[in-house]
PDB file of N, CA and C in Angstrom:
ATOM      1  N   MET A   1     125.237  89.837  93.881  1.00  0.00           N
ATOM      2  CA  MET A   1     124.649  88.565  94.213  1.00  0.00           C
ATOM      3  C   MET A   1     123.591  88.275  93.161  1.00  0.00           C
ATOM      4  N   ALA A   2     123.876  87.391  92.276  1.00  0.00           N
ATOM      5  CA  ALA A   2     122.933  87.054  91.221  1.00  0.00           C
ATOM      6  C   ALA A   2     121.977  85.974  91.709  1.00  0.00           C
ATOM      7  N   SER A   3     120.718  86.153  91.421  1.00  0.00           N
ATOM      8  CA  SER A   3     119.731  85.184  91.878  1.00  0.00           C
ATOM      9  C   SER A   3     119.773  83.907  91.057  1.00  0.00           C
ATOM     10  N   THR A   4     120.484  83.934  89.937  1.00  0.00           N
ATOM     11  CA  THR A   4     120.529  82.755  89.090  1.00  0.00           C
ATOM     12  C   THR A   4     121.779  81.928  89.295  1.00  0.00           C
ATOM     13  N   ALA A   5     122.561  82.243  90.307  1.00  0.00           N
ATOM     14  CA  ALA A   5     123.777  81.487  90.574  1.00  0.00           C
ATOM     15  C   ALA A   5     123.430  80.096  91.088  1.00  0.00           C
ATOM     16  N   THR A   6     124.217  79.117  90.662  1.00  0.00           N
ATOM     17  CA  THR A   6     124.014  77.756  91.144  1.00  0.00           C
ATOM     18  C   THR A   6     125.212  77.329  91.952  1.00  0.00           C
ATOM     19  N   ALA A   7     125.050  76.275  92.693  1.00  0.00           N
ATOM     20  CA  ALA A   7     126.138  75.757  93.520  1.00  0.00           C
ATOM     21  C   ALA A   7     127.273  75.267  92.636  1.00  0.00           C
ATOM     22  N   ALA A   8     128.498  75.422  93.124  1.00  0.00           N
ATOM     23  CA  ALA A   8     129.661  74.954  92.391  1.00  0.00           C
ATOM     24  C   ALA A   8     129.531  73.455  92.153  1.00  0.00           C
ATOM     25  N   GLY A   9     129.840  73.040  90.946  1.00  0.00           N
ATOM     26  CA  GLY A   9     129.776  71.627  90.639  1.00  0.00           C
ATOM     27  C   GLY A   9     128.391  71.145  90.249  1.00  0.00           C
ATOM     28  N   ASP A  10     127.419  72.043  90.182  1.00  0.00           N
ATOM     29  CA  ASP A  10     126.078  71.654  89.776  1.00  0.00           C
ATOM     30  C   ASP A  10     126.145  71.219  88.319  1.00  0.00           C
ATOM     31  N   SER A  11     125.670  70.031  88.035  1.00  0.00           N
ATOM     32  CA  SER A  11     125.804  69.477  86.694  1.00  0.00           C
ATOM     33  C   SER A  11     124.637  69.808  85.785  1.00  0.00           C
ATOM     34  N   GLY A  12     123.849  70.740  86.137  1.00  0.00           N
ATOM     35  CA  GLY A  12     122.740  71.121  85.274  1.00  0.00           C
ATOM     36  C   GLY A  12     121.420  70.928  85.966  1.00  0.00           C
ATOM     37  N   GLY A  13     120.417  70.621  85.181  1.00  0.00           N
ATOM     38  CA  GLY A  13     119.088  70.467  85.756  1.00  0.00           C
ATOM     39  C   GLY A  13     118.439  71.818  85.951  1.00  0.00           C
ATOM     40  N   ARG A  14     117.430  71.833  86.812  1.00  0.00           N
ATOM     41  CA  ARG A  14     116.708  73.081  87.072  1.00  0.00           C
ATOM     42  C   ARG A  14     117.576  74.044  87.846  1.00  0.00           C
ATOM     43  N   ASN A  15     117.414  75.302  87.543  1.00  0.00           N
ATOM     44  CA  ASN A  15     118.159  76.367  88.206  1.00  0.00           C
ATOM     45  C   ASN A  15     117.286  76.945  89.320  1.00  0.00           C
ATOM     46  N   TRP A  16     117.742  76.860  90.588  1.00  0.00           N
ATOM     47  CA  TRP A  16     116.949  77.349  91.702  1.00  0.00           C
ATOM     48  C   TRP A  16     117.879  77.924  92.762  1.00  0.00           C
ATOM     49  N   THR A  17     117.310  78.712  93.661  1.00  0.00           N
ATOM     50  CA  THR A  17     118.067  79.285  94.776  1.00  0.00           C
ATOM     51  C   THR A  17     117.261  79.110  96.056  1.00  0.00           C
ATOM     52  N   PHE A  18     117.927  79.270  97.181  1.00  0.00           N
ATOM     53  CA  PHE A  18     117.247  79.138  98.467  1.00  0.00           C
ATOM     54  C   PHE A  18     116.393  80.355  98.796  1.00  0.00           C
ATOM     55  N   LEU A  19     116.755  81.519  98.302  1.00  0.00           N
ATOM     56  CA  LEU A  19     116.010  82.736  98.609  1.00  0.00           C
ATOM     57  C   LEU A  19     115.117  83.125  97.441  1.00  0.00           C
ATOM     58  N   THR A  20     113.966  83.686  97.751  1.00  0.00           N
ATOM     59  CA  THR A  20     113.056  84.183  96.725  1.00  0.00           C
ATOM     60  C   THR A  20     113.530  85.545  96.238  1.00  0.00           C
ATOM     61  N   ASN A  21     112.898  86.028  95.195  1.00  0.00           N
ATOM     62  CA  ASN A  21     113.214  87.383  94.723  1.00  0.00           C
ATOM     63  C   ASN A  21     112.877  88.418  95.786  1.00  0.00           C
ATOM     64  N   HIS A  22     111.846  88.167  96.587  1.00  0.00           N
ATOM     65  CA  HIS A  22     111.516  89.091  97.676  1.00  0.00           C
ATOM     66  C   HIS A  22     112.685  89.166  98.668  1.00  0.00           C
ATOM     67  N   GLY A  23     113.258  88.028  98.995  1.00  0.00           N
ATOM     68  CA  GLY A  23     114.406  88.002  99.895  1.00  0.00           C
ATOM     69  C   GLY A  23     115.598  88.708  99.294  1.00  0.00           C
ATOM     70  N   HIS A  24     115.847  88.494  98.012  1.00  0.00           N
ATOM     71  CA  HIS A  24     116.980  89.147  97.352  1.00  0.00           C
ATOM     72  C   HIS A  24     116.802  90.664  97.302  1.00  0.00           C
ATOM     73  N   VAL A  25     115.589  91.132  97.020  1.00  0.00           N
ATOM     74  CA  VAL A  25     115.334  92.577  96.986  1.00  0.00           C
ATOM     75  C   VAL A  25     115.517  93.170  98.378  1.00  0.00           C
ATOM     76  N   LEU A  26     115.001  92.505  99.391  1.00  0.00           N
ATOM     77  CA  LEU A  26     115.164  93.002 100.765  1.00  0.00           C
ATOM     78  C   LEU A  26     116.641  93.109 101.131  1.00  0.00           C
ATOM     79  N   LEU A  27     117.425  92.118 100.766  1.00  0.00           N
ATOM     80  CA  LEU A  27     118.855  92.146 101.073  1.00  0.00           C
ATOM     81  C   LEU A  27     119.583  93.224 100.280  1.00  0.00           C
ATOM     82  N   ALA A  28     119.222  93.413  99.032  1.00  0.00           N
ATOM     83  CA  ALA A  28     119.851  94.457  98.220  1.00  0.00           C
ATOM     84  C   ALA A  28     119.580  95.834  98.815  1.00  0.00           C
ATOM     85  N   ILE A  29     118.359  96.050  99.276  1.00  0.00           N
ATOM     86  CA  ILE A  29     118.014  97.335  99.899  1.00  0.00           C
ATOM     87  C   ILE A  29     118.707  97.473 101.243  1.00  0.00           C
ATOM     88  N   ALA A  30     118.845  96.384 101.972  1.00  0.00           N
ATOM     89  CA  ALA A  30     119.554  96.443 103.258  1.00  0.00           C
ATOM     90  C   ALA A  30     121.008  96.864 103.049  1.00  0.00           C
ATOM     91  N   ARG A  31     121.618  96.404 101.973  1.00  0.00           N
ATOM     92  CA  ARG A  31     123.012  96.769 101.684  1.00  0.00           C
ATOM     93  C   ARG A  31     123.150  98.216 101.256  1.00  0.00           C
ATOM     94  N   ASP A  32     122.116  98.736 100.567  1.00  0.00           N
ATOM     95  CA  ASP A  32     122.152 100.120 100.082  1.00  0.00           C
ATOM     96  C   ASP A  32     120.749 100.704 100.140  1.00  0.00           C
ATOM     97  N   PRO A  33     120.391 101.323 101.272  1.00  0.00           N
ATOM     98  CA  PRO A  33     119.028 101.844 101.459  1.00  0.00           C
ATOM     99  C   PRO A  33     118.658 103.002 100.529  1.00  0.00           C
ATOM    100  N   THR A  34     119.611 103.547  99.798  1.00  0.00           N
ATOM    101  CA  THR A  34     119.310 104.622  98.856  1.00  0.00           C
ATOM    102  C   THR A  34     119.441 104.161  97.410  1.00  0.00           C
ATOM    103  N   ALA A  35     119.531 102.859  97.194  1.00  0.00           N
ATOM    104  CA  ALA A  35     119.693 102.321  95.847  1.00  0.00           C
ATOM    105  C   ALA A  35     118.470 102.629  94.983  1.00  0.00           C
ATOM    106  N   ARG A  36     118.724 102.878  93.708  1.00  0.00           N
ATOM    107  CA  ARG A  36     117.630 103.035  92.753  1.00  0.00           C
ATOM    108  C   ARG A  36     117.059 101.652  92.455  1.00  0.00           C
ATOM    109  N   LEU A  37     115.765 101.583  92.225  1.00  0.00           N
ATOM    110  CA  LEU A  37     115.145 100.295  91.922  1.00  0.00           C
ATOM    111  C   LEU A  37     115.729  99.683  90.653  1.00  0.00           C
ATOM    112  N   ARG A  38     116.182 100.509  89.740  1.00  0.00           N
ATOM    113  CA  ARG A  38     116.837 100.009  88.527  1.00  0.00           C
ATOM    114  C   ARG A  38     118.065  99.187  88.898  1.00  0.00           C
ATOM    115  N   ASP A  39     118.826  99.676  89.879  1.00  0.00           N
ATOM    116  CA  ASP A  39     120.031  98.973  90.320  1.00  0.00           C
ATOM    117  C   ASP A  39     119.687  97.721  91.127  1.00  0.00           C
ATOM    118  N   VAL A  40     118.665  97.813  91.953  1.00  0.00           N
ATOM    119  CA  VAL A  40     118.210  96.653  92.726  1.00  0.00           C
ATOM    120  C   VAL A  40     117.748  95.559  91.769  1.00  0.00           C
ATOM    121  N   ALA A  41     116.974  95.933  90.771  1.00  0.00           N
ATOM    122  CA  ALA A  41     116.471  94.967  89.794  1.00  0.00           C
ATOM    123  C   ALA A  41     117.629  94.278  89.071  1.00  0.00           C
ATOM    124  N   ALA A  42     118.630  95.045  88.675  1.00  0.00           N
ATOM    125  CA  ALA A  42     119.782  94.467  87.976  1.00  0.00           C
ATOM    126  C   ALA A  42     120.543  93.506  88.884  1.00  0.00           C
ATOM    127  N   GLU A  43     120.703  93.866  90.152  1.00  0.00           N
ATOM    128  CA  GLU A  43     121.409  93.000  91.095  1.00  0.00           C
ATOM    129  C   GLU A  43     120.668  91.680  91.321  1.00  0.00           C
ATOM    130  N   VAL A  44     119.352  91.767  91.416  1.00  0.00           N
ATOM    131  CA  VAL A  44     118.536  90.592  91.704  1.00  0.00           C
ATOM    132  C   VAL A  44     118.299  89.752  90.443  1.00  0.00           C
ATOM    133  N   GLY A  45     118.291  90.416  89.298  1.00  0.00           N
ATOM    134  CA  GLY A  45     118.036  89.700  88.048  1.00  0.00           C
ATOM    135  C   GLY A  45     116.568  89.666  87.675  1.00  0.00           C
ATOM    136  N   VAL A  46     115.856  90.742  88.012  1.00  0.00           N
ATOM    137  CA  VAL A  46     114.445  90.870  87.667  1.00  0.00           C
ATOM    138  C   VAL A  46     114.251  92.185  86.926  1.00  0.00           C
ATOM    139  N   THR A  47     113.073  92.385  86.377  1.00  0.00           N
ATOM    140  CA  THR A  47     112.787  93.651  85.713  1.00  0.00           C
ATOM    141  C   THR A  47     112.577  94.745  86.761  1.00  0.00           C
ATOM    142  N   GLU A  48     112.676  95.976  86.312  1.00  0.00           N
ATOM    143  CA  GLU A  48     112.431  97.096  87.228  1.00  0.00           C
ATOM    144  C   GLU A  48     110.984  97.080  87.719  1.00  0.00           C
ATOM    145  N   ARG A  49     110.069  96.714  86.844  1.00  0.00           N
ATOM    146  CA  ARG A  49     108.656  96.625  87.236  1.00  0.00           C
ATOM    147  C   ARG A  49     108.456  95.550  88.308  1.00  0.00           C
ATOM    148  N   ALA A  50     109.135  94.410  88.182  1.00  0.00           N
ATOM    149  CA  ALA A  50     109.042  93.350  89.192  1.00  0.00           C
ATOM    150  C   ALA A  50     109.625  93.835  90.515  1.00  0.00           C
ATOM    151  N   ALA A  51     110.738  94.558  90.462  1.00  0.00           N
ATOM    152  CA  ALA A  51     111.343  95.110  91.688  1.00  0.00           C
ATOM    153  C   ALA A  51     110.382  96.083  92.356  1.00  0.00           C
ATOM    154  N   GLN A  52     109.684  96.905  91.569  1.00  0.00           N
ATOM    155  CA  GLN A  52     108.704  97.834  92.129  1.00  0.00           C
ATOM    156  C   GLN A  52     107.574  97.078  92.831  1.00  0.00           C
ATOM    157  N   ALA A  53     107.095  96.014  92.212  1.00  0.00           N
ATOM    158  CA  ALA A  53     106.013  95.222  92.803  1.00  0.00           C
ATOM    159  C   ALA A  53     106.482  94.551  94.093  1.00  0.00           C
ATOM    160  N   ILE A  54     107.713  94.064  94.096  1.00  0.00           N
ATOM    161  CA  ILE A  54     108.253  93.407  95.297  1.00  0.00           C
ATOM    162  C   ILE A  54     108.408  94.419  96.424  1.00  0.00           C
ATOM    163  N   VAL A  55     108.922  95.609  96.112  1.00  0.00           N
ATOM    164  CA  VAL A  55     109.060  96.651  97.136  1.00  0.00           C
ATOM    165  C   VAL A  55     107.679  97.025  97.681  1.00  0.00           C
ATOM    166  N   ALA A  56     106.687  97.105  96.812  1.00  0.00           N
ATOM    167  CA  ALA A  56     105.322  97.406  97.279  1.00  0.00           C
ATOM    168  C   ALA A  56     104.820  96.304  98.208  1.00  0.00           C
ATOM    169  N   ASP A  57     105.099  95.035  97.873  1.00  0.00           N
ATOM    170  CA  ASP A  57     104.718  93.920  98.747  1.00  0.00           C
ATOM    171  C   ASP A  57     105.411  94.027 100.106  1.00  0.00           C
ATOM    172  N   LEU A  58     106.714  94.300 100.081  1.00  0.00           N
ATOM    173  CA  LEU A  58     107.488  94.391 101.325  1.00  0.00           C
ATOM    174  C   LEU A  58     107.017  95.566 102.178  1.00  0.00           C
ATOM    175  N   GLU A  59     106.662  96.663 101.511  1.00  0.00           N
ATOM    176  CA  GLU A  59     106.165  97.827 102.245  1.00  0.00           C
ATOM    177  C   GLU A  59     104.790  97.528 102.850  1.00  0.00           C
ATOM    178  N   ALA A  60     103.913  96.909 102.078  1.00  0.00           N
ATOM    179  CA  ALA A  60     102.578  96.552 102.581  1.00  0.00           C
ATOM    180  C   ALA A  60     102.670  95.549 103.727  1.00  0.00           C
ATOM    181  N   GLY A  61     103.666  94.678 103.690  1.00  0.00           N
ATOM    182  CA  GLY A  61     103.854  93.687 104.746  1.00  0.00           C
ATOM    183  C   GLY A  61     104.554  94.229 105.972  1.00  0.00           C
ATOM    184  N   GLY A  62     104.996  95.496 105.925  1.00  0.00           N
ATOM    185  CA  GLY A  62     105.639  96.113 107.081  1.00  0.00           C
ATOM    186  C   GLY A  62     107.124  95.804 107.214  1.00  0.00           C
ATOM    187  N   TYR A  63     107.742  95.275 106.152  1.00  0.00           N
ATOM    188  CA  TYR A  63     109.160  94.925 106.216  1.00  0.00           C
ATOM    189  C   TYR A  63     110.071  96.094 105.887  1.00  0.00           C
ATOM    190  N   LEU A  64     109.524  97.097 105.205  1.00  0.00           N
ATOM    191  CA  LEU A  64     110.303  98.293 104.919  1.00  0.00           C
ATOM    192  C   LEU A  64     109.382  99.480 104.792  1.00  0.00           C
ATOM    193  N   GLN A  65     109.979 100.658 104.903  1.00  0.00           N
ATOM    194  CA  GLN A  65     109.242 101.905 104.747  1.00  0.00           C
ATOM    195  C   GLN A  65     109.998 102.739 103.727  1.00  0.00           C
ATOM    196  N   ARG A  66     109.253 103.321 102.809  1.00  0.00           N
ATOM    197  CA  ARG A  66     109.835 104.134 101.748  1.00  0.00           C
ATOM    198  C   ARG A  66     109.634 105.601 102.090  1.00  0.00           C
ATOM    199  N   THR A  67     110.707 106.384 102.014  1.00  0.00           N
ATOM    200  CA  THR A  67     110.638 107.820 102.275  1.00  0.00           C
ATOM    201  C   THR A  67     111.218 108.544 101.069  1.00  0.00           C
ATOM    202  N   ARG A  68     110.503 109.539 100.589  1.00  0.00           N
ATOM    203  CA  ARG A  68     110.974 110.322  99.453  1.00  0.00           C
ATOM    204  C   ARG A  68     111.971 111.353  99.957  1.00  0.00           C
ATOM    205  N   VAL A  69     113.174 111.372  99.361  1.00  0.00           N
ATOM    206  CA  VAL A  69     114.216 112.346  99.697  1.00  0.00           C
ATOM    207  C   VAL A  69     114.636 112.993  98.387  1.00  0.00           C
ATOM    208  N   GLY A  70     114.121 114.199  98.144  1.00  0.00           N
ATOM    209  CA  GLY A  70     114.382 114.843  96.860  1.00  0.00           C
ATOM    210  C   GLY A  70     113.734 114.048  95.750  1.00  0.00           C
ATOM    211  N   ARG A  71     114.532 113.638  94.773  1.00  0.00           N
ATOM    212  CA  ARG A  71     114.021 112.860  93.650  1.00  0.00           C
ATOM    213  C   ARG A  71     114.209 111.357  93.842  1.00  0.00           C
ATOM    214  N   ARG A  72     114.735 110.959  94.981  1.00  0.00           N
ATOM    215  CA  ARG A  72     115.043 109.545  95.219  1.00  0.00           C
ATOM    216  C   ARG A  72     114.237 109.011  96.398  1.00  0.00           C
ATOM    217  N   ASN A  73     114.222 107.708  96.518  1.00  0.00           N
ATOM    218  CA  ASN A  73     113.616 107.045  97.669  1.00  0.00           C
ATOM    219  C   ASN A  73     114.712 106.569  98.605  1.00  0.00           C
ATOM    220  N   GLU A  74     114.416 106.610  99.870  1.00  0.00           N
ATOM    221  CA  GLU A  74     115.299 106.035 100.877  1.00  0.00           C
ATOM    222  C   GLU A  74     114.455 105.038 101.659  1.00  0.00           C
ATOM    223  N   TYR A  75     115.040 103.881 101.939  1.00  0.00           N
ATOM    224  CA  TYR A  75     114.299 102.802 102.566  1.00  0.00           C
ATOM    225  C   TYR A  75     114.797 102.561 103.981  1.00  0.00           C
ATOM    226  N   THR A  76     113.860 102.327 104.881  1.00  0.00           N
ATOM    227  CA  THR A  76     114.156 101.946 106.254  1.00  0.00           C
ATOM    228  C   THR A  76     113.571 100.561 106.465  1.00  0.00           C
ATOM    229  N   LEU A  77     114.414  99.635 106.885  1.00  0.00           N
ATOM    230  CA  LEU A  77     113.966  98.256 107.079  1.00  0.00           C
ATOM    231  C   LEU A  77     113.463  98.033 108.492  1.00  0.00           C
ATOM    232  N   ASN A  78     112.563  97.089 108.638  1.00  0.00           N
ATOM    233  CA  ASN A  78     112.032  96.695 109.936  1.00  0.00           C
ATOM    234  C   ASN A  78     112.569  95.301 110.260  1.00  0.00           C
ATOM    235  N   PRO A  79     113.704  95.218 110.960  1.00  0.00           N
ATOM    236  CA  PRO A  79     114.279  93.904 111.254  1.00  0.00           C
ATOM    237  C   PRO A  79     113.448  93.084 112.240  1.00  0.00           C
ATOM    238  N   ALA A  80     112.470  93.694 112.886  1.00  0.00           N
ATOM    239  CA  ALA A  80     111.626  92.974 113.848  1.00  0.00           C
ATOM    240  C   ALA A  80     110.472  92.244 113.175  1.00  0.00           C
ATOM    241  N   GLY A  81     110.298  92.452 111.866  1.00  0.00           N
ATOM    242  CA  GLY A  81     109.231  91.749 111.157  1.00  0.00           C
ATOM    243  C   GLY A  81     109.493  90.247 111.146  1.00  0.00           C
ATOM    244  N   HIS A  82     108.452  89.470 111.212  1.00  0.00           N
ATOM    245  CA  HIS A  82     108.581  88.016 111.252  1.00  0.00           C
ATOM    246  C   HIS A  82     108.408  87.418 109.857  1.00  0.00           C
ATOM    247  N   PHE A  83     109.033  86.266 109.636  1.00  0.00           N
ATOM    248  CA  PHE A  83     108.862  85.558 108.379  1.00  0.00           C
ATOM    249  C   PHE A  83     107.408  85.161 108.216  1.00  0.00           C
ATOM    250  N   ARG A  84     106.953  85.039 106.995  1.00  0.00           N
ATOM    251  CA  ARG A  84     105.542  84.768 106.717  1.00  0.00           C
ATOM    252  C   ARG A  84     105.204  83.286 106.760  1.00  0.00           C
ATOM    253  N   HIS A  85     106.128  82.427 106.421  1.00  0.00           N
ATOM    254  CA  HIS A  85     105.838  80.991 106.382  1.00  0.00           C
ATOM    255  C   HIS A  85     105.717  80.455 107.806  1.00  0.00           C
ATOM    256  N   PRO A  86     104.719  79.620 108.078  1.00  0.00           N
ATOM    257  CA  PRO A  86     104.524  79.107 109.436  1.00  0.00           C
ATOM    258  C   PRO A  86     105.749  78.394 110.022  1.00  0.00           C
ATOM    259  N   ALA A  87     106.564  77.784 109.179  1.00  0.00           N
ATOM    260  CA  ALA A  87     107.742  77.064 109.681  1.00  0.00           C
ATOM    261  C   ALA A  87     108.794  78.013 110.255  1.00  0.00           C
ATOM    262  N   GLU A  88     108.796  79.274 109.804  1.00  0.00           N
ATOM    263  CA  GLU A  88     109.778  80.246 110.299  1.00  0.00           C
ATOM    264  C   GLU A  88     109.122  81.448 110.972  1.00  0.00           C
ATOM    265  N   ALA A  89     107.836  81.387 111.236  1.00  0.00           N
ATOM    266  CA  ALA A  89     107.106  82.539 111.754  1.00  0.00           C
ATOM    267  C   ALA A  89     107.606  83.018 113.110  1.00  0.00           C
ATOM    268  N   ASP A  90     108.337  82.172 113.817  1.00  0.00           N
ATOM    269  CA  ASP A  90     108.869  82.581 115.124  1.00  0.00           C
ATOM    270  C   ASP A  90     110.192  83.327 114.991  1.00  0.00           C
ATOM    271  N   ARG A  91     110.726  83.458 113.778  1.00  0.00           N
ATOM    272  CA  ARG A  91     112.012  84.137 113.546  1.00  0.00           C
ATOM    273  C   ARG A  91     111.778  85.498 112.914  1.00  0.00           C
ATOM    274  N   GLN A  92     112.681  86.436 113.190  1.00  0.00           N
ATOM    275  CA  GLN A  92     112.598  87.783 112.632  1.00  0.00           C
ATOM    276  C   GLN A  92     113.486  87.903 111.390  1.00  0.00           C
ATOM    277  N   VAL A  93     113.069  88.756 110.463  1.00  0.00           N
ATOM    278  CA  VAL A  93     113.872  88.944 109.254  1.00  0.00           C
ATOM    279  C   VAL A  93     115.220  89.582 109.570  1.00  0.00           C
ATOM    280  N   GLY A  94     115.341  90.205 110.717  1.00  0.00           N
ATOM    281  CA  GLY A  94     116.630  90.758 111.130  1.00  0.00           C
ATOM    282  C   GLY A  94     117.712  89.689 111.203  1.00  0.00           C
ATOM    283  N   ASP A  95     117.319  88.440 111.510  1.00  0.00           N
ATOM    284  CA  ASP A  95     118.276  87.332 111.523  1.00  0.00           C
ATOM    285  C   ASP A  95     118.853  87.108 110.130  1.00  0.00           C
ATOM    286  N   LEU A  96     118.004  87.162 109.121  1.00  0.00           N
ATOM    287  CA  LEU A  96     118.447  87.009 107.734  1.00  0.00           C
ATOM    288  C   LEU A  96     119.320  88.189 107.313  1.00  0.00           C
ATOM    289  N   LEU A  97     118.889  89.385 107.672  1.00  0.00           N
ATOM    290  CA  LEU A  97     119.649  90.582 107.320  1.00  0.00           C
ATOM    291  C   LEU A  97     121.038  90.548 107.936  1.00  0.00           C
ATOM    292  N   ALA A  98     121.129  90.125 109.180  1.00  0.00           N
ATOM    293  CA  ALA A  98     122.426  90.052 109.858  1.00  0.00           C
ATOM    294  C   ALA A  98     123.348  89.040 109.191  1.00  0.00           C
ATOM    295  N   LEU A  99     122.773  87.997 108.657  1.00  0.00           N
ATOM    296  CA  LEU A  99     123.551  86.946 108.016  1.00  0.00           C
ATOM    297  C   LEU A  99     124.078  87.359 106.651  1.00  0.00           C
ATOM    298  N   PHE A 100     123.262  88.056 105.862  1.00  0.00           N
ATOM    299  CA  PHE A 100     123.606  88.324 104.470  1.00  0.00           C
ATOM    300  C   PHE A 100     123.898  89.774 104.108  1.00  0.00           C
ATOM    301  N   ALA A 101     123.472  90.716 104.880  1.00  0.00           N
ATOM    302  CA  ALA A 101     123.498  92.108 104.435  1.00  0.00           C
ATOM    303  C   ALA A 101     124.640  92.918 105.021  1.00  0.00           C
ATOM    304  N   GLU A 102     125.841  92.420 104.893  1.00  0.00           N
ATOM    305  CA  GLU A 102     126.981  93.198 105.355  1.00  0.00           C
ATOM    306  C   GLU A 102     127.101  94.464 104.524  1.00  0.00           C
ATOM    307  N   THR A 103     127.439  95.553 105.189  1.00  0.00           N
ATOM    308  CA  THR A 103     127.718  96.764 104.458  1.00  0.00           C
ATOM    309  C   THR A 103     129.140  96.668 103.915  1.00  0.00           C
ATOM    310  N   PRO A 104     129.507  97.438 102.884  1.00  0.00           N
ATOM    311  CA  PRO A 104     130.860  97.375 102.350  1.00  0.00           C
ATOM    312  C   PRO A 104     131.937  97.616 103.415  1.00  0.00           C
ATOM    313  N   ALA A 105     131.705  98.506 104.375  1.00  0.00           N
ATOM    314  CA  ALA A 105     132.687  98.777 105.430  1.00  0.00           C
ATOM    315  C   ALA A 105     132.872  97.568 106.324  1.00  0.00           C
ATOM    316  N   GLU A 106     131.772  96.891 106.679  1.00  0.00           N
ATOM    317  CA  GLU A 106     131.870  95.686 107.502  1.00  0.00           C
ATOM    318  C   GLU A 106     132.606  94.570 106.770  1.00  0.00           C
ATOM    319  N   GLU A 107     132.354  94.440 105.464  1.00  0.00           N
ATOM    320  CA  GLU A 107     133.001  93.408 104.678  1.00  0.00           C
ATOM    321  C   GLU A 107     134.506  93.652 104.597  1.00  0.00           C
ATOM    322  N   THR A 108     134.907  94.901 104.413  1.00  0.00           N
ATOM    323  CA  THR A 108     136.331  95.245 104.350  1.00  0.00           C
ATOM    324  C   THR A 108     137.004  94.971 105.687  1.00  0.00           C
ATOM    325  N   ALA A 109     136.348  95.338 106.783  1.00  0.00           N
ATOM    326  CA  ALA A 109     136.918  95.114 108.119  1.00  0.00           C
ATOM    327  C   ALA A 109     137.066  93.633 108.401  1.00  0.00           C
ATOM    328  N   ARG A 110     136.110  92.829 107.957  1.00  0.00           N
ATOM    329  CA  ARG A 110     136.164  91.391 108.195  1.00  0.00           C
ATOM    330  C   ARG A 110     137.325  90.754 107.438  1.00  0.00           C
ATOM    331  N   ARG A 111     137.619  91.239 106.247  1.00  0.00           N
ATOM    332  CA  ARG A 111     138.702  90.681 105.443  1.00  0.00           C
ATOM    333  C   ARG A 111     140.064  91.066 105.978  1.00  0.00           C
ATOM    334  N   SER A 112     140.146  92.157 106.720  1.00  0.00           N
ATOM    335  CA  SER A 112     141.449  92.636 107.225  1.00  0.00           C
ATOM    336  C   SER A 112     141.991  91.770 108.329  1.00  0.00           C
TER     337      SER A 112
END
């Protein structure tokens, strides 16, 4: 899922998406909780340093927890966390995760 993708038929202009990089990083981690930040950054289209800063923001906000497992990190998401913007503050991020973060097994089963 590239963050720079535009809608089909878009004739140019400014390039924008509905989700922020924070949302894209959260979804990438939801799909693969043991992903390396290098891989998350490549998927989202940001630098590894930006991905690290975003993960730190998400961890400080209580949206995920980082656990060291050997030489790697494993992430646990908090789907009960609420959106930060007042317009969506009554909704939980689990709603977003359920919408976008299918695991590969779920995606294969859905296509069958």
